[in-house]
C-alpha atoms as a PDB file:
ATOM      1  CA  UNK A   1       8.727   9.419  -0.502  1.00  0.00           C
ATOM      2  CA  UNK A   2      12.195   9.055   1.113  1.00  0.00           C
ATOM      3  CA  UNK A   3      11.762  12.287   2.807  1.00  0.00           C
ATOM      4  CA  UNK A   4       8.747  10.665   4.596  1.00  0.00           C
ATOM      5  CA  UNK A   5      10.541   7.836   6.052  1.00  0.00           C
ATOM      6  CA  UNK A   6      13.620   9.630   6.758  1.00  0.00           C
ATOM      7  CA  UNK A   7      11.372  11.843   8.813  1.00  0.00           C
ATOM      8  CA  UNK A   8       9.184   8.804  10.364  1.00  0.00           C
ATOM      9  CA  UNK A   9      11.608   5.922  10.803  1.00  0.00           C
ATOM     10  CA  UNK A  10       9.493   4.139  13.313  1.00  0.00           C
ATOM     11  CA  UNK A  11       7.690   3.006  10.089  1.00  0.00           C
ATOM     12  CA  UNK A  12       9.985   0.714   9.085  1.00  0.00           C
ATOM     13  CA  UNK A  13       9.538  -1.283  12.104  1.00  0.00           C
ATOM     14  CA  UNK A  14       6.009  -1.849  11.043  1.00  0.00           C
ATOM     15  CA  UNK A  15       4.443  -3.966   8.247  1.00  0.00           C
ATOM     16  CA  UNK A  16       3.754  -1.994   5.439  1.00  0.00           C
ATOM     17  CA  UNK A  17       1.371  -1.819   1.723  1.00  0.00           C
ATOM     18  CA  UNK A  18       1.670   0.060  -1.380  1.00  0.00           C
ATOM     19  CA  UNK A  19      -1.607   0.064  -3.366  1.00  0.00           C
ATOM     20  CA  UNK A  20      -1.148   0.879  -6.681  1.00  0.00           C
ATOM     21  CA  UNK A  21      -2.927  -0.072 -10.076  1.00  0.00           C
ATOM     22  CA  UNK A  22      -0.687  -1.414 -12.288  1.00  0.00           C
ATOM     23  CA  UNK A  23      -1.428  -5.232 -12.063  1.00  0.00           C
ATOM     24  CA  UNK A  24       1.777  -7.039 -12.024  1.00  0.00           C
ATOM     25  CA  UNK A  25       5.298  -5.451 -11.827  1.00  0.00           C
ATOM     26  CA  UNK A  26       7.772  -7.384 -13.517  1.00  0.00           C
ATOM     27  CA  UNK A  27      10.062  -9.207 -10.844  1.00  0.00           C
ATOM     28  CA  UNK A  28       7.584  -8.336  -8.000  1.00  0.00           C
ATOM     29  CA  UNK A  29       5.066 -10.613  -6.289  1.00  0.00           C
ATOM     30  CA  UNK A  30       1.216 -10.110  -7.430  1.00  0.00           C
ATOM     31  CA  UNK A  31      -0.826  -7.777  -5.694  1.00  0.00           C
ATOM     32  CA  UNK A  32      -3.027  -9.112  -2.661  1.00  0.00           C
ATOM     33  CA  UNK A  33      -6.305  -7.679  -1.762  1.00  0.00           C
ATOM     34  CA  UNK A  34      -5.901  -5.213   0.834  1.00  0.00           C
ATOM     35  CA  UNK A  35      -8.813  -6.497   3.139  1.00  0.00           C
ATOM     36  CA  UNK A  36      -6.827  -9.746   3.007  1.00  0.00           C
ATOM     37  CA  UNK A  37      -3.175  -8.877   4.034  1.00  0.00           C
ATOM     38  CA  UNK A  38      -4.416  -5.812   6.222  1.00  0.00           C
ATOM     39  CA  UNK A  39      -6.428  -8.689   8.404  1.00  0.00           C
ATOM     40  CA  UNK A  40      -3.270  -9.692  10.112  1.00  0.00           C
ATOM     41  CA  UNK A  41      -1.370  -6.483  10.131  1.00  0.00           C
ATOM     42  CA  UNK A  42      -3.326  -4.117  12.521  1.00  0.00           C
ATOM     43  CA  UNK A  43      -0.678  -1.979  13.132  1.00  0.00           C
ATOM     44  CA  UNK A  44       0.280  -1.337   9.589  1.00  0.00           C
ATOM     45  CA  UNK A  45       0.964   1.570   7.226  1.00  0.00           C
ATOM     46  CA  UNK A  46      -0.771   2.294   3.997  1.00  0.00           C
ATOM     47  CA  UNK A  47       0.875   3.824   0.804  1.00  0.00           C
ATOM     48  CA  UNK A  48      -1.902   5.350  -1.307  1.00  0.00           C
ATOM     49  CA  UNK A  49      -0.534   7.083  -4.578  1.00  0.00           C
ATOM     50  CA  UNK A  50      -0.836  10.336  -6.239  1.00  0.00           C
ATOM     51  CA  UNK A  51      -3.265  11.263  -8.926  1.00  0.00           C
ATOM     52  CA  UNK A  52      -2.041   8.883 -11.779  1.00  0.00           C
ATOM     53  CA  UNK A  53      -0.708   6.128  -9.467  1.00  0.00           C
ATOM     54  CA  UNK A  54       3.027   5.802  -8.154  1.00  0.00           C
ATOM     55  CA  UNK A  55       5.823   4.878 -10.713  1.00  0.00           C
ATOM     56  CA  UNK A  56       6.910   1.231 -11.074  1.00  0.00           C
ATOM     57  CA  UNK A  57      10.244   2.591  -9.592  1.00  0.00           C
ATOM     58  CA  UNK A  58       8.283   4.057  -6.405  1.00  0.00           C
ATOM     59  CA  UNK A  59       6.325   0.924  -5.942  1.00  0.00           C
ATOM     60  CA  UNK A  60       9.953  -1.142  -6.103  1.00  0.00           C
ATOM     61  CA  UNK A  61      11.188   1.267  -3.482  1.00  0.00           C
ATOM     62  CA  UNK A  62       8.671   0.462  -1.597  1.00  0.00           C
ATOM     63  CA  UNK A  63       8.390  -3.345  -1.743  1.00  0.00           C
ATOM     64  CA  UNK A  64      12.500  -3.300  -1.064  1.00  0.00           C
ATOM     65  CA  UNK A  65      11.448  -1.851   2.225  1.00  0.00           C
ATOM     66  CA  UNK A  66       9.372  -4.660   2.693  1.00  0.00           C
ATOM     67  CA  UNK A  67       5.806  -3.095   1.659  1.00  0.00           C
ATOM     68  CA  UNK A  68       3.464  -5.387   0.194  1.00  0.00           C
ATOM     69  CA  UNK A  69       1.970  -4.836  -2.930  1.00  0.00           C
ATOM     70  CA  UNK A  70      -1.924  -4.568  -2.622  1.00  0.00           C
ATOM     71  CA  UNK A  71      -5.039  -3.881  -4.399  1.00  0.00           C
ATOM     72  CA  UNK A  72      -8.293  -1.810  -3.282  1.00  0.00           C
ATOM     73  CA  UNK A  73     -10.672  -3.730  -5.650  1.00  0.00           C
ATOM     74  CA  UNK A  74     -11.117  -3.764  -9.803  1.00  0.00           C
ATOM     75  CA  UNK A  75     -11.787  -0.077  -9.617  1.00  0.00           C
ATOM     76  CA  UNK A  76      -9.453   2.684  -9.918  1.00  0.00           C
ATOM     77  CA  UNK A  77     -10.076   5.237  -7.338  1.00  0.00           C
ATOM     78  CA  UNK A  78      -9.193   8.842  -7.060  1.00  0.00           C
ATOM     79  CA  UNK A  79      -6.622   9.336  -3.972  1.00  0.00           C
ATOM     80  CA  UNK A  80      -9.381  10.638  -1.516  1.00  0.00           C
ATOM     81  CA  UNK A  81     -11.329   7.664  -2.699  1.00  0.00           C
ATOM     82  CA  UNK A  82      -9.116   4.899  -2.263  1.00  0.00           C
ATOM     83  CA  UNK A  83      -8.070   6.556   1.234  1.00  0.00           C
ATOM     84  CA  UNK A  84     -11.537   6.681   2.418  1.00  0.00           C
ATOM     85  CA  UNK A  85     -12.129   2.917   0.635  1.00  0.00           C
ATOM     86  CA  UNK A  86      -8.808   1.547   2.656  1.00  0.00           C
ATOM     87  CA  UNK A  87     -10.363   3.029   6.095  1.00  0.00           C
ATOM     88  CA  UNK A  88     -13.977   1.869   5.049  1.00  0.00           C
ATOM     89  CA  UNK A  89     -12.518  -1.429   4.262  1.00  0.00           C
ATOM     90  CA  UNK A  90     -10.290  -1.938   7.498  1.00  0.00           C
ATOM     91  CA  UNK A  91     -11.147  -4.991   9.442  1.00  0.00           C
ATOM     92  CA  UNK A  92     -10.008  -5.229  13.328  1.00  0.00           C
ATOM     93  CA  UNK A  93      -9.203  -8.443  14.765  1.00  0.00           C
ATOM     94  CA  UNK A  94     -11.713  -7.912  17.985  1.00  0.00           C
END
């Protein structure tokens, strides 16, 4: 992940979110619904984990870089499906 941020340093200037399936991660705020969070962050990026989800340390790393922990709903989705679900749920302020 660090490589991605090194290649695209402009990401740090935008709000970001990390979608994961772990529920609560000790010491971090509770996840919020993607649909609620992104409604106020239309220029944001979203990190969707690999098969098997992010590790706790990866989620912490992203949250330390101001990513908000989010969920896409109650179902556990495959990576490809999660990305399509996030785009389908995207709301614009128009």
